[in-house]
């Protein structure tokens, strides 16, 4: 049983760079062949075991590669935008701090006068 997959035609993409749609090309995958030899199985298991040892390093490499790609997509602010956002954070922090201070003073006064 053949499996059909479609992939983009690379030669068409090179000819027409402004084209957004790639032409589908039909490819056929070969069915998997099972090995029956015992020596092949032992070698295959050894290779799998060796690959499992390096799996964390490959995962770590993929992580750093993906992180680098994400950082390249970030639109970094210029100096003026950075100062504006910093000032906004400072003002907002002071406003929230003042609100919490006033609520704390009001509740303290309320509890001291009317409850105790």
PDB file of N, CA and C in Angstrom:
ATOM      1  N   UNK A   1       0.840  -1.167   0.000  1.00  0.00           N
ATOM      2  CA  UNK A   1       0.000   0.000   0.000  1.00  0.00           C
ATOM      3  C   UNK A   1       0.894   1.242   0.000  1.00  0.00           C
ATOM      4  N   UNK A   2       0.705   2.106  -0.937  1.00  0.00           N
ATOM      5  CA  UNK A   2       1.530   3.301  -1.070  1.00  0.00           C
ATOM      6  C   UNK A   2       0.869   4.476  -0.363  1.00  0.00           C
ATOM      7  N   UNK A   3       1.689   5.298   0.241  1.00  0.00           N
ATOM      8  CA  UNK A   3       1.210   6.497   0.917  1.00  0.00           C
ATOM      9  C   UNK A   3       1.557   7.691   0.034  1.00  0.00           C
ATOM     10  N   UNK A   4       0.585   8.513  -0.261  1.00  0.00           N
ATOM     11  CA  UNK A   4       0.809   9.673  -1.117  1.00  0.00           C
ATOM     12  C   UNK A   4       0.938  10.917  -0.257  1.00  0.00           C
ATOM     13  N   UNK A   5       1.978  11.673  -0.525  1.00  0.00           N
ATOM     14  CA  UNK A   5       2.190  12.931   0.175  1.00  0.00           C
ATOM     15  C   UNK A   5       2.415  14.016  -0.856  1.00  0.00           C
ATOM     16  N   UNK A   6       2.054  15.228  -0.497  1.00  0.00           N
ATOM     17  CA  UNK A   6       2.243  16.355  -1.386  1.00  0.00           C
ATOM     18  C   UNK A   6       3.246  17.307  -0.761  1.00  0.00           C
ATOM     19  N   UNK A   7       4.165  17.787  -1.564  1.00  0.00           N
ATOM     20  CA  UNK A   7       5.120  18.765  -1.073  1.00  0.00           C
ATOM     21  C   UNK A   7       5.268  19.869  -2.107  1.00  0.00           C
ATOM     22  N   UNK A   8       5.790  21.012  -1.648  1.00  0.00           N
ATOM     23  CA  UNK A   8       5.932  22.165  -2.531  1.00  0.00           C
ATOM     24  C   UNK A   8       7.030  21.902  -3.545  1.00  0.00           C
ATOM     25  N   UNK A   9       6.819  22.353  -4.767  1.00  0.00           N
ATOM     26  CA  UNK A   9       7.801  22.221  -5.825  1.00  0.00           C
ATOM     27  C   UNK A   9       8.840  23.324  -5.651  1.00  0.00           C
ATOM     28  N   UNK A  10      10.076  22.967  -5.324  1.00  0.00           N
ATOM     29  CA  UNK A  10      11.111  23.948  -5.032  1.00  0.00           C
ATOM     30  C   UNK A  10      11.522  24.721  -6.276  1.00  0.00           C
ATOM     31  N   UNK A  11      11.510  24.086  -7.447  1.00  0.00           N
ATOM     32  CA  UNK A  11      11.921  24.778  -8.657  1.00  0.00           C
ATOM     33  C   UNK A  11      10.927  25.875  -9.022  1.00  0.00           C
ATOM     34  N   UNK A  12       9.653  25.667  -8.750  1.00  0.00           N
ATOM     35  CA  UNK A  12       8.645  26.678  -9.043  1.00  0.00           C
ATOM     36  C   UNK A  12       8.791  27.855  -8.094  1.00  0.00           C
ATOM     37  N   UNK A  13       9.180  27.605  -6.857  1.00  0.00           N
ATOM     38  CA  UNK A  13       9.360  28.684  -5.886  1.00  0.00           C
ATOM     39  C   UNK A  13      10.565  29.540  -6.259  1.00  0.00           C
ATOM     40  N   UNK A  14      11.614  28.941  -6.836  1.00  0.00           N
ATOM     41  CA  UNK A  14      12.783  29.699  -7.236  1.00  0.00           C
ATOM     42  C   UNK A  14      12.483  30.582  -8.442  1.00  0.00           C
ATOM     43  N   UNK A  15      11.677  30.095  -9.385  1.00  0.00           N
ATOM     44  CA  UNK A  15      11.376  30.849 -10.603  1.00  0.00           C
ATOM     45  C   UNK A  15      10.521  32.071 -10.320  1.00  0.00           C
ATOM     46  N   UNK A  16       9.526  31.918  -9.461  1.00  0.00           N
ATOM     47  CA  UNK A  16       8.595  33.000  -9.198  1.00  0.00           C
ATOM     48  C   UNK A  16       8.588  33.286  -7.704  1.00  0.00           C
ATOM     49  N   UNK A  17       9.416  34.227  -7.256  1.00  0.00           N
ATOM     50  CA  UNK A  17       9.562  34.509  -5.838  1.00  0.00           C
ATOM     51  C   UNK A  17       8.306  35.170  -5.273  1.00  0.00           C
ATOM     52  N   UNK A  18       7.611  35.970  -6.063  1.00  0.00           N
ATOM     53  CA  UNK A  18       6.443  36.677  -5.568  1.00  0.00           C
ATOM     54  C   UNK A  18       5.225  35.776  -5.432  1.00  0.00           C
ATOM     55  N   UNK A  19       5.308  34.558  -5.956  1.00  0.00           N
ATOM     56  CA  UNK A  19       4.191  33.629  -5.876  1.00  0.00           C
ATOM     57  C   UNK A  19       4.017  33.152  -4.439  1.00  0.00           C
ATOM     58  N   UNK A  20       2.785  33.203  -3.935  1.00  0.00           N
ATOM     59  CA  UNK A  20       2.536  32.764  -2.561  1.00  0.00           C
ATOM     60  C   UNK A  20       2.069  31.325  -2.503  1.00  0.00           C
ATOM     61  N   UNK A  21       1.537  30.793  -3.599  1.00  0.00           N
ATOM     62  CA  UNK A  21       1.052  29.425  -3.607  1.00  0.00           C
ATOM     63  C   UNK A  21       2.081  28.530  -4.301  1.00  0.00           C
ATOM     64  N   UNK A  22       2.402  27.418  -3.654  1.00  0.00           N
ATOM     65  CA  UNK A  22       3.318  26.454  -4.248  1.00  0.00           C
ATOM     66  C   UNK A  22       2.509  25.391  -4.983  1.00  0.00           C
ATOM     67  N   UNK A  23       3.053  24.915  -6.078  1.00  0.00           N
ATOM     68  CA  UNK A  23       2.367  23.889  -6.843  1.00  0.00           C
ATOM     69  C   UNK A  23       2.572  22.543  -6.158  1.00  0.00           C
ATOM     70  N   UNK A  24       1.510  21.772  -5.939  1.00  0.00           N
ATOM     71  CA  UNK A  24       1.668  20.474  -5.289  1.00  0.00           C
ATOM     72  C   UNK A  24       2.303  19.465  -6.237  1.00  0.00           C
ATOM     73  N   UNK A  25       3.216  18.666  -5.698  1.00  0.00           N
ATOM     74  CA  UNK A  25       3.862  17.606  -6.455  1.00  0.00           C
ATOM     75  C   UNK A  25       3.572  16.301  -5.733  1.00  0.00           C
ATOM     76  N   UNK A  26       3.063  15.319  -6.443  1.00  0.00           N
ATOM     77  CA  UNK A  26       2.689  14.057  -5.823  1.00  0.00           C
ATOM     78  C   UNK A  26       3.930  13.179  -5.675  1.00  0.00           C
ATOM     79  N   UNK A  27       4.155  12.702  -4.461  1.00  0.00           N
ATOM     80  CA  UNK A  27       5.260  11.787  -4.198  1.00  0.00           C
ATOM     81  C   UNK A  27       4.699  10.521  -3.569  1.00  0.00           C
ATOM     82  N   UNK A  28       5.406   9.454  -3.729  1.00  0.00           N
ATOM     83  CA  UNK A  28       4.960   8.176  -3.183  1.00  0.00           C
ATOM     84  C   UNK A  28       6.019   7.668  -2.217  1.00  0.00           C
ATOM     85  N   UNK A  29       5.605   7.335  -0.997  1.00  0.00           N
ATOM     86  CA  UNK A  29       6.520   6.802   0.002  1.00  0.00           C
ATOM     87  C   UNK A  29       6.554   5.283  -0.119  1.00  0.00           C
ATOM     88  N   UNK A  30       7.749   4.720   0.083  1.00  0.00           N
ATOM     89  CA  UNK A  30       7.901   3.271   0.027  1.00  0.00           C
ATOM     90  C   UNK A  30       7.429   2.660   1.343  1.00  0.00           C
ATOM     91  N   UNK A  31       6.804   1.496   1.288  1.00  0.00           N
ATOM     92  CA  UNK A  31       6.387   0.847   2.535  1.00  0.00           C
ATOM     93  C   UNK A  31       7.611   0.401   3.332  1.00  0.00           C
ATOM     94  N   UNK A  32       7.452   0.373   4.656  1.00  0.00           N
ATOM     95  CA  UNK A  32       8.545  -0.016   5.534  1.00  0.00           C
ATOM     96  C   UNK A  32       8.832  -1.504   5.390  1.00  0.00           C
ATOM     97  N   UNK A  33      10.130  -1.845   5.393  1.00  0.00           N
ATOM     98  CA  UNK A  33      10.554  -3.240   5.266  1.00  0.00           C
ATOM     99  C   UNK A  33      11.023  -3.711   6.633  1.00  0.00           C
ATOM    100  N   UNK A  34      10.507  -4.858   7.084  1.00  0.00           N
ATOM    101  CA  UNK A  34      10.893  -5.395   8.380  1.00  0.00           C
ATOM    102  C   UNK A  34      12.157  -6.231   8.234  1.00  0.00           C
ATOM    103  N   UNK A  35      13.071  -6.063   9.210  1.00  0.00           N
ATOM    104  CA  UNK A  35      14.290  -6.861   9.224  1.00  0.00           C
ATOM    105  C   UNK A  35      14.017  -8.137  10.009  1.00  0.00           C
ATOM    106  N   UNK A  36      14.504  -9.247   9.491  1.00  0.00           N
ATOM    107  CA  UNK A  36      14.294 -10.512  10.180  1.00  0.00           C
ATOM    108  C   UNK A  36      15.591 -11.065  10.755  1.00  0.00           C
ATOM    109  N   UNK A  37      16.719 -10.504  10.378  1.00  0.00           N
ATOM    110  CA  UNK A  37      17.997 -11.016  10.866  1.00  0.00           C
ATOM    111  C   UNK A  37      18.216 -10.585  12.314  1.00  0.00           C
ATOM    112  N   UNK A  38      18.719 -11.503  13.146  1.00  0.00           N
ATOM    113  CA  UNK A  38      18.943 -11.205  14.550  1.00  0.00           C
ATOM    114  C   UNK A  38      20.118 -10.268  14.743  1.00  0.00           C
ATOM    115  N   UNK A  39      21.139 -10.362  13.913  1.00  0.00           N
ATOM    116  CA  UNK A  39      22.294  -9.474  14.037  1.00  0.00           C
ATOM    117  C   UNK A  39      21.878  -8.029  13.758  1.00  0.00           C
ATOM    118  N   UNK A  40      21.009  -7.845  12.808  1.00  0.00           N
ATOM    119  CA  UNK A  40      20.515  -6.504  12.498  1.00  0.00           C
ATOM    120  C   UNK A  40      19.727  -5.928  13.650  1.00  0.00           C
ATOM    121  N   UNK A  41      18.966  -6.774  14.357  1.00  0.00           N
ATOM    122  CA  UNK A  41      18.178  -6.317  15.493  1.00  0.00           C
ATOM    123  C   UNK A  41      19.080  -5.859  16.636  1.00  0.00           C
ATOM    124  N   UNK A  42      20.175  -6.594  16.883  1.00  0.00           N
ATOM    125  CA  UNK A  42      21.091  -6.224  17.957  1.00  0.00           C
ATOM    126  C   UNK A  42      21.758  -4.890  17.646  1.00  0.00           C
ATOM    127  N   UNK A  43      22.162  -4.721  16.407  1.00  0.00           N
ATOM    128  CA  UNK A  43      22.803  -3.456  16.024  1.00  0.00           C
ATOM    129  C   UNK A  43      21.809  -2.309  16.108  1.00  0.00           C
ATOM    130  N   UNK A  44      20.583  -2.586  15.700  1.00  0.00           N
ATOM    131  CA  UNK A  44      19.547  -1.558  15.741  1.00  0.00           C
ATOM    132  C   UNK A  44      19.249  -1.147  17.178  1.00  0.00           C
ATOM    133  N   UNK A  45      19.190  -2.100  18.098  1.00  0.00           N
ATOM    134  CA  UNK A  45      18.948  -1.789  19.510  1.00  0.00           C
ATOM    135  C   UNK A  45      20.096  -0.972  20.085  1.00  0.00           C
ATOM    136  N   UNK A  46      21.326  -1.296  19.690  1.00  0.00           N
ATOM    137  CA  UNK A  46      22.483  -0.564  20.175  1.00  0.00           C
ATOM    138  C   UNK A  46      22.443   0.882  19.682  1.00  0.00           C
ATOM    139  N   UNK A  47      22.080   1.058  18.432  1.00  0.00           N
ATOM    140  CA  UNK A  47      21.973   2.409  17.871  1.00  0.00           C
ATOM    141  C   UNK A  47      20.882   3.186  18.587  1.00  0.00           C
ATOM    142  N   UNK A  48      19.733   2.550  18.845  1.00  0.00           N
ATOM    143  CA  UNK A  48      18.635   3.211  19.560  1.00  0.00           C
ATOM    144  C   UNK A  48      19.072   3.634  20.957  1.00  0.00           C
ATOM    145  N   UNK A  49      19.826   2.751  21.637  1.00  0.00           N
ATOM    146  CA  UNK A  49      20.302   3.045  22.982  1.00  0.00           C
ATOM    147  C   UNK A  49      21.246   4.248  22.954  1.00  0.00           C
ATOM    148  N   UNK A  50      22.131   4.292  21.957  1.00  0.00           N
ATOM    149  CA  UNK A  50      23.042   5.417  21.831  1.00  0.00           C
ATOM    150  C   UNK A  50      22.281   6.709  21.536  1.00  0.00           C
ATOM    151  N   UNK A  51      21.233   6.610  20.733  1.00  0.00           N
ATOM    152  CA  UNK A  51      20.449   7.793  20.410  1.00  0.00           C
ATOM    153  C   UNK A  51      19.696   8.305  21.633  1.00  0.00           C
ATOM    154  N   UNK A  52      19.258   7.389  22.518  1.00  0.00           N
ATOM    155  CA  UNK A  52      18.549   7.799  23.732  1.00  0.00           C
ATOM    156  C   UNK A  52      19.471   8.569  24.666  1.00  0.00           C
ATOM    157  N   UNK A  53      20.751   8.234  24.661  1.00  0.00           N
ATOM    158  CA  UNK A  53      21.709   8.926  25.521  1.00  0.00           C
ATOM    159  C   UNK A  53      21.817  10.387  25.115  1.00  0.00           C
ATOM    160  N   UNK A  54      21.796  10.664  23.816  1.00  0.00           N
ATOM    161  CA  UNK A  54      21.972  12.024  23.327  1.00  0.00           C
ATOM    162  C   UNK A  54      20.663  12.792  23.194  1.00  0.00           C
ATOM    163  N   UNK A  55      19.542  12.178  23.512  1.00  0.00           N
ATOM    164  CA  UNK A  55      18.234  12.826  23.367  1.00  0.00           C
ATOM    165  C   UNK A  55      18.112  14.117  24.184  1.00  0.00           C
ATOM    166  N   UNK A  56      18.556  14.163  25.447  1.00  0.00           N
ATOM    167  CA  UNK A  56      18.439  15.424  26.196  1.00  0.00           C
ATOM    168  C   UNK A  56      19.250  16.560  25.568  1.00  0.00           C
ATOM    169  N   UNK A  57      20.404  16.226  24.995  1.00  0.00           N
ATOM    170  CA  UNK A  57      21.226  17.254  24.370  1.00  0.00           C
ATOM    171  C   UNK A  57      20.576  17.784  23.093  1.00  0.00           C
ATOM    172  N   UNK A  58      19.940  16.888  22.342  1.00  0.00           N
ATOM    173  CA  UNK A  58      19.224  17.327  21.143  1.00  0.00           C
ATOM    174  C   UNK A  58      18.038  18.205  21.526  1.00  0.00           C
ATOM    175  N   UNK A  59      17.333  17.827  22.586  1.00  0.00           N
ATOM    176  CA  UNK A  59      16.189  18.622  23.050  1.00  0.00           C
ATOM    177  C   UNK A  59      16.660  20.000  23.521  1.00  0.00           C
ATOM    178  N   UNK A  60      17.777  20.042  24.223  1.00  0.00           N
ATOM    179  CA  UNK A  60      18.320  21.316  24.691  1.00  0.00           C
ATOM    180  C   UNK A  60      18.731  22.184  23.505  1.00  0.00           C
ATOM    181  N   UNK A  61      19.320  21.579  22.500  1.00  0.00           N
ATOM    182  CA  UNK A  61      19.691  22.318  21.295  1.00  0.00           C
ATOM    183  C   UNK A  61      18.476  22.880  20.577  1.00  0.00           C
ATOM    184  N   UNK A  62      17.405  22.073  20.479  1.00  0.00           N
ATOM    185  CA  UNK A  62      16.163  22.555  19.847  1.00  0.00           C
ATOM    186  C   UNK A  62      15.565  23.709  20.645  1.00  0.00           C
ATOM    187  N   UNK A  63      15.663  23.626  21.977  1.00  0.00           N
ATOM    188  CA  UNK A  63      15.136  24.689  22.831  1.00  0.00           C
ATOM    189  C   UNK A  63      15.862  26.009  22.564  1.00  0.00           C
ATOM    190  N   UNK A  64      17.199  25.965  22.550  1.00  0.00           N
ATOM    191  CA  UNK A  64      17.965  27.183  22.325  1.00  0.00           C
ATOM    192  C   UNK A  64      17.748  27.724  20.916  1.00  0.00           C
ATOM    193  N   UNK A  65      17.634  26.852  19.939  1.00  0.00           N
ATOM    194  CA  UNK A  65      17.388  27.292  18.567  1.00  0.00           C
ATOM    195  C   UNK A  65      16.020  27.976  18.472  1.00  0.00           C
ATOM    196  N   UNK A  66      14.991  27.378  19.072  1.00  0.00           N
ATOM    197  CA  UNK A  66      13.656  27.971  19.062  1.00  0.00           C
ATOM    198  C   UNK A  66      13.619  29.293  19.812  1.00  0.00           C
ATOM    199  N   UNK A  67      14.334  29.364  20.938  1.00  0.00           N
ATOM    200  CA  UNK A  67      14.383  30.606  21.712  1.00  0.00           C
ATOM    201  C   UNK A  67      15.032  31.718  20.900  1.00  0.00           C
ATOM    202  N   UNK A  68      16.115  31.393  20.190  1.00  0.00           N
ATOM    203  CA  UNK A  68      16.804  32.384  19.381  1.00  0.00           C
ATOM    204  C   UNK A  68      15.895  32.878  18.257  1.00  0.00           C
ATOM    205  N   UNK A  69      15.149  31.971  17.639  1.00  0.00           N
ATOM    206  CA  UNK A  69      14.230  32.364  16.570  1.00  0.00           C
ATOM    207  C   UNK A  69      13.124  33.275  17.103  1.00  0.00           C
ATOM    208  N   UNK A  70      12.627  33.000  18.289  1.00  0.00           N
ATOM    209  CA  UNK A  70      11.595  33.850  18.884  1.00  0.00           C
ATOM    210  C   UNK A  70      12.150  35.239  19.223  1.00  0.00           C
ATOM    211  N   UNK A  71      13.384  35.284  19.740  1.00  0.00           N
ATOM    212  CA  UNK A  71      13.982  36.570  20.084  1.00  0.00           C
ATOM    213  C   UNK A  71      14.210  37.425  18.845  1.00  0.00           C
ATOM    214  N   UNK A  72      14.471  36.799  17.717  1.00  0.00           N
ATOM    215  CA  UNK A  72      14.670  37.555  16.482  1.00  0.00           C
ATOM    216  C   UNK A  72      13.362  38.152  15.972  1.00  0.00           C
ATOM    217  N   UNK A  73      12.228  37.630  16.405  1.00  0.00           N
ATOM    218  CA  UNK A  73      10.930  38.139  15.964  1.00  0.00           C
ATOM    219  C   UNK A  73      10.407  39.267  16.849  1.00  0.00           C
ATOM    220  N   UNK A  74      11.069  39.511  17.974  1.00  0.00           N
ATOM    221  CA  UNK A  74      10.623  40.541  18.907  1.00  0.00           C
ATOM    222  C   UNK A  74      10.880  41.927  18.314  1.00  0.00           C
ATOM    223  N   UNK A  75       9.907  42.812  18.439  1.00  0.00           N
ATOM    224  CA  UNK A  75      10.084  44.200  18.023  1.00  0.00           C
ATOM    225  C   UNK A  75      10.509  44.976  19.264  1.00  0.00           C
ATOM    226  N   UNK A  76      11.814  45.291  19.348  1.00  0.00           N
ATOM    227  CA  UNK A  76      12.353  45.931  20.529  1.00  0.00           C
ATOM    228  C   UNK A  76      12.042  47.423  20.508  1.00  0.00           C
ATOM    229  N   UNK A  77      11.680  48.016  21.672  1.00  0.00           N
ATOM    230  CA  UNK A  77      11.367  49.447  21.708  1.00  0.00           C
ATOM    231  C   UNK A  77      12.639  50.297  21.613  1.00  0.00           C
ATOM    232  N   UNK A  78      12.473  51.531  21.119  1.00  0.00           N
ATOM    233  CA  UNK A  78      13.618  52.438  21.080  1.00  0.00           C
ATOM    234  C   UNK A  78      13.745  53.119  22.444  1.00  0.00           C
ATOM    235  N   UNK A  79      14.705  54.032  22.573  1.00  0.00           N
ATOM    236  CA  UNK A  79      14.979  54.654  23.872  1.00  0.00           C
ATOM    237  C   UNK A  79      13.782  55.470  24.370  1.00  0.00           C
ATOM    238  N   UNK A  80      13.136  56.218  23.488  1.00  0.00           N
ATOM    239  CA  UNK A  80      11.999  57.056  23.879  1.00  0.00           C
ATOM    240  C   UNK A  80      10.836  56.201  24.392  1.00  0.00           C
ATOM    241  N   UNK A  81      10.530  55.114  23.697  1.00  0.00           N
ATOM    242  CA  UNK A  81       9.449  54.221  24.125  1.00  0.00           C
ATOM    243  C   UNK A  81       9.788  53.550  25.450  1.00  0.00           C
ATOM    244  N   UNK A  82      11.064  53.196  25.628  1.00  0.00           N
ATOM    245  CA  UNK A  82      11.491  52.549  26.876  1.00  0.00           C
ATOM    246  C   UNK A  82      11.292  53.482  28.064  1.00  0.00           C
ATOM    247  N   UNK A  83      11.694  54.756  27.921  1.00  0.00           N
ATOM    248  CA  UNK A  83      11.515  55.709  29.014  1.00  0.00           C
ATOM    249  C   UNK A  83      10.038  55.966  29.295  1.00  0.00           C
ATOM    250  N   UNK A  84       9.220  56.037  28.244  1.00  0.00           N
ATOM    251  CA  UNK A  84       7.782  56.261  28.430  1.00  0.00           C
ATOM    252  C   UNK A  84       7.158  55.101  29.195  1.00  0.00           C
ATOM    253  N   UNK A  85       7.516  53.876  28.843  1.00  0.00           N
ATOM    254  CA  UNK A  85       6.958  52.709  29.545  1.00  0.00           C
ATOM    255  C   UNK A  85       7.475  52.628  30.978  1.00  0.00           C
ATOM    256  N   UNK A  86       8.746  52.986  31.194  1.00  0.00           N
ATOM    257  CA  UNK A  86       9.303  52.981  32.546  1.00  0.00           C
ATOM    258  C   UNK A  86       8.590  54.000  33.422  1.00  0.00           C
ATOM    259  N   UNK A  87       8.362  55.186  32.882  1.00  0.00           N
ATOM    260  CA  UNK A  87       7.643  56.222  33.624  1.00  0.00           C
ATOM    261  C   UNK A  87       6.213  55.783  33.943  1.00  0.00           C
ATOM    262  N   UNK A  88       5.561  55.128  32.997  1.00  0.00           N
ATOM    263  CA  UNK A  88       4.195  54.639  33.228  1.00  0.00           C
ATOM    264  C   UNK A  88       4.173  53.610  34.357  1.00  0.00           C
ATOM    265  N   UNK A  89       5.153  52.721  34.394  1.00  0.00           N
ATOM    266  CA  UNK A  89       5.218  51.708  35.454  1.00  0.00           C
ATOM    267  C   UNK A  89       5.442  52.369  36.809  1.00  0.00           C
ATOM    268  N   UNK A  90       6.331  53.360  36.857  1.00  0.00           N
ATOM    269  CA  UNK A  90       6.599  54.047  38.129  1.00  0.00           C
ATOM    270  C   UNK A  90       5.351  54.771  38.624  1.00  0.00           C
ATOM    271  N   UNK A  91       4.674  55.498  37.744  1.00  0.00           N
ATOM    272  CA  UNK A  91       3.463  56.223  38.134  1.00  0.00           C
ATOM    273  C   UNK A  91       2.371  55.266  38.594  1.00  0.00           C
ATOM    274  N   UNK A  92       2.169  54.184  37.860  1.00  0.00           N
ATOM    275  CA  UNK A  92       1.154  53.201  38.231  1.00  0.00           C
ATOM    276  C   UNK A  92       1.487  52.566  39.585  1.00  0.00           C
ATOM    277  N   UNK A  93       2.758  52.242  39.812  1.00  0.00           N
ATOM    278  CA  UNK A  93       3.171  51.634  41.088  1.00  0.00           C
ATOM    279  C   UNK A  93       2.923  52.598  42.246  1.00  0.00           C
ATOM    280  N   UNK A  94       3.254  53.874  42.055  1.00  0.00           N
ATOM    281  CA  UNK A  94       3.009  54.861  43.102  1.00  0.00           C
ATOM    282  C   UNK A  94       1.511  55.026  43.376  1.00  0.00           C
ATOM    283  N   UNK A  95       0.701  55.029  42.327  1.00  0.00           N
ATOM    284  CA  UNK A  95      -0.749  55.168  42.510  1.00  0.00           C
ATOM    285  C   UNK A  95      -1.326  53.983  43.280  1.00  0.00           C
ATOM    286  N   UNK A  96      -0.932  52.772  42.906  1.00  0.00           N
ATOM    287  CA  UNK A  96      -1.431  51.585  43.612  1.00  0.00           C
ATOM    288  C   UNK A  96      -0.920  51.568  45.052  1.00  0.00           C
ATOM    289  N   UNK A  97       0.345  51.941  45.265  1.00  0.00           N
ATOM    290  CA  UNK A  97       0.895  51.998  46.621  1.00  0.00           C
ATOM    291  C   UNK A  97       0.155  52.997  47.486  1.00  0.00           C
ATOM    292  N   UNK A  98      -0.158  54.161  46.918  1.00  0.00           N
ATOM    293  CA  UNK A  98      -0.915  55.180  47.651  1.00  0.00           C
ATOM    294  C   UNK A  98      -2.313  54.674  47.992  1.00  0.00           C
ATOM    295  N   UNK A  99      -2.969  54.013  47.030  1.00  0.00           N
ATOM    296  CA  UNK A  99      -4.307  53.463  47.275  1.00  0.00           C
ATOM    297  C   UNK A  99      -4.285  52.436  48.406  1.00  0.00           C
ATOM    298  N   UNK A 100      -3.306  51.544  48.385  1.00  0.00           N
ATOM    299  CA  UNK A 100      -3.200  50.527  49.443  1.00  0.00           C
ATOM    300  C   UNK A 100      -2.923  51.190  50.795  1.00  0.00           C
ATOM    301  N   UNK A 101      -2.043  52.213  50.813  1.00  0.00           N
ATOM    302  CA  UNK A 101      -1.743  52.924  52.059  1.00  0.00           C
ATOM    303  C   UNK A 101      -2.996  53.586  52.627  1.00  0.00           C
ATOM    304  N   UNK A 102      -3.773  54.256  51.767  1.00  0.00           N
ATOM    305  CA  UNK A 102      -4.996  54.932  52.241  1.00  0.00           C
ATOM    306  C   UNK A 102      -6.028  53.929  52.742  1.00  0.00           C
ATOM    307  N   UNK A 103      -6.197  52.809  52.041  1.00  0.00           N
ATOM    308  CA  UNK A 103      -7.140  51.785  52.509  1.00  0.00           C
ATOM    309  C   UNK A 103      -6.692  51.195  53.841  1.00  0.00           C
ATOM    310  N   UNK A 104      -5.386  50.963  53.986  1.00  0.00           N
ATOM    311  CA  UNK A 104      -4.854  50.421  55.238  1.00  0.00           C
ATOM    312  C   UNK A 104      -5.092  51.405  56.383  1.00  0.00           C
ATOM    313  N   UNK A 105      -4.846  52.692  56.150  1.00  0.00           N
ATOM    314  CA  UNK A 105      -5.052  53.701  57.196  1.00  0.00           C
ATOM    315  C   UNK A 105      -6.540  53.806  57.558  1.00  0.00           C
ATOM    316  N   UNK A 106      -7.405  53.746  56.554  1.00  0.00           N
ATOM    317  CA  UNK A 106      -8.849  53.838  56.816  1.00  0.00           C
ATOM    318  C   UNK A 106      -9.338  52.644  57.623  1.00  0.00           C
ATOM    319  N   UNK A 107      -8.922  51.438  57.252  1.00  0.00           N
ATOM    320  CA  UNK A 107      -9.358  50.249  57.999  1.00  0.00           C
ATOM    321  C   UNK A 107      -8.771  50.222  59.407  1.00  0.00           C
ATOM    322  N   UNK A 108      -7.546  50.698  59.564  1.00  0.00           N
ATOM    323  CA  UNK A 108      -6.938  50.758  60.899  1.00  0.00           C
ATOM    324  C   UNK A 108      -7.731  51.712  61.785  1.00  0.00           C
ATOM    325  N   UNK A 109      -8.057  52.867  61.247  1.00  0.00           N
ATOM    326  CA  UNK A 109      -8.848  53.841  61.996  1.00  0.00           C
ATOM    327  C   UNK A 109     -10.224  53.280  62.329  1.00  0.00           C
ATOM    328  N   UNK A 110     -10.842  52.628  61.362  1.00  0.00           N
ATOM    329  CA  UNK A 110     -12.168  52.028  61.557  1.00  0.00           C
ATOM    330  C   UNK A 110     -12.153  50.983  62.658  1.00  0.00           C
ATOM    331  N   UNK A 111     -11.193  50.108  62.640  1.00  0.00           N
ATOM    332  CA  UNK A 111     -11.135  49.034  63.651  1.00  0.00           C
ATOM    333  C   UNK A 111     -10.778  49.570  65.026  1.00  0.00           C
ATOM    334  N   UNK A 112      -9.913  50.570  65.099  1.00  0.00           N
ATOM    335  CA  UNK A 112      -9.524  51.100  66.410  1.00  0.00           C
ATOM    336  C   UNK A 112     -10.664  51.894  67.035  1.00  0.00           C
ATOM    337  N   UNK A 113     -11.415  52.637  66.280  1.00  0.00           N
ATOM    338  CA  UNK A 113     -12.480  53.482  66.831  1.00  0.00           C
ATOM    339  C   UNK A 113     -13.754  52.716  67.138  1.00  0.00           C
ATOM    340  N   UNK A 114     -14.164  51.848  66.199  1.00  0.00           N
ATOM    341  CA  UNK A 114     -15.507  51.273  66.337  1.00  0.00           C
ATOM    342  C   UNK A 114     -15.522  49.820  66.800  1.00  0.00           C
ATOM    343  N   UNK A 115     -14.476  49.071  66.546  1.00  0.00           N
ATOM    344  CA  UNK A 115     -14.499  47.672  66.900  1.00  0.00           C
ATOM    345  C   UNK A 115     -13.883  47.445  68.280  1.00  0.00           C
ATOM    346  N   UNK A 116     -12.754  48.037  68.593  1.00  0.00           N
ATOM    347  CA  UNK A 116     -12.095  47.795  69.870  1.00  0.00           C
ATOM    348  C   UNK A 116     -12.409  48.843  70.862  1.00  0.00           C
TER     349      UNK A 116
END
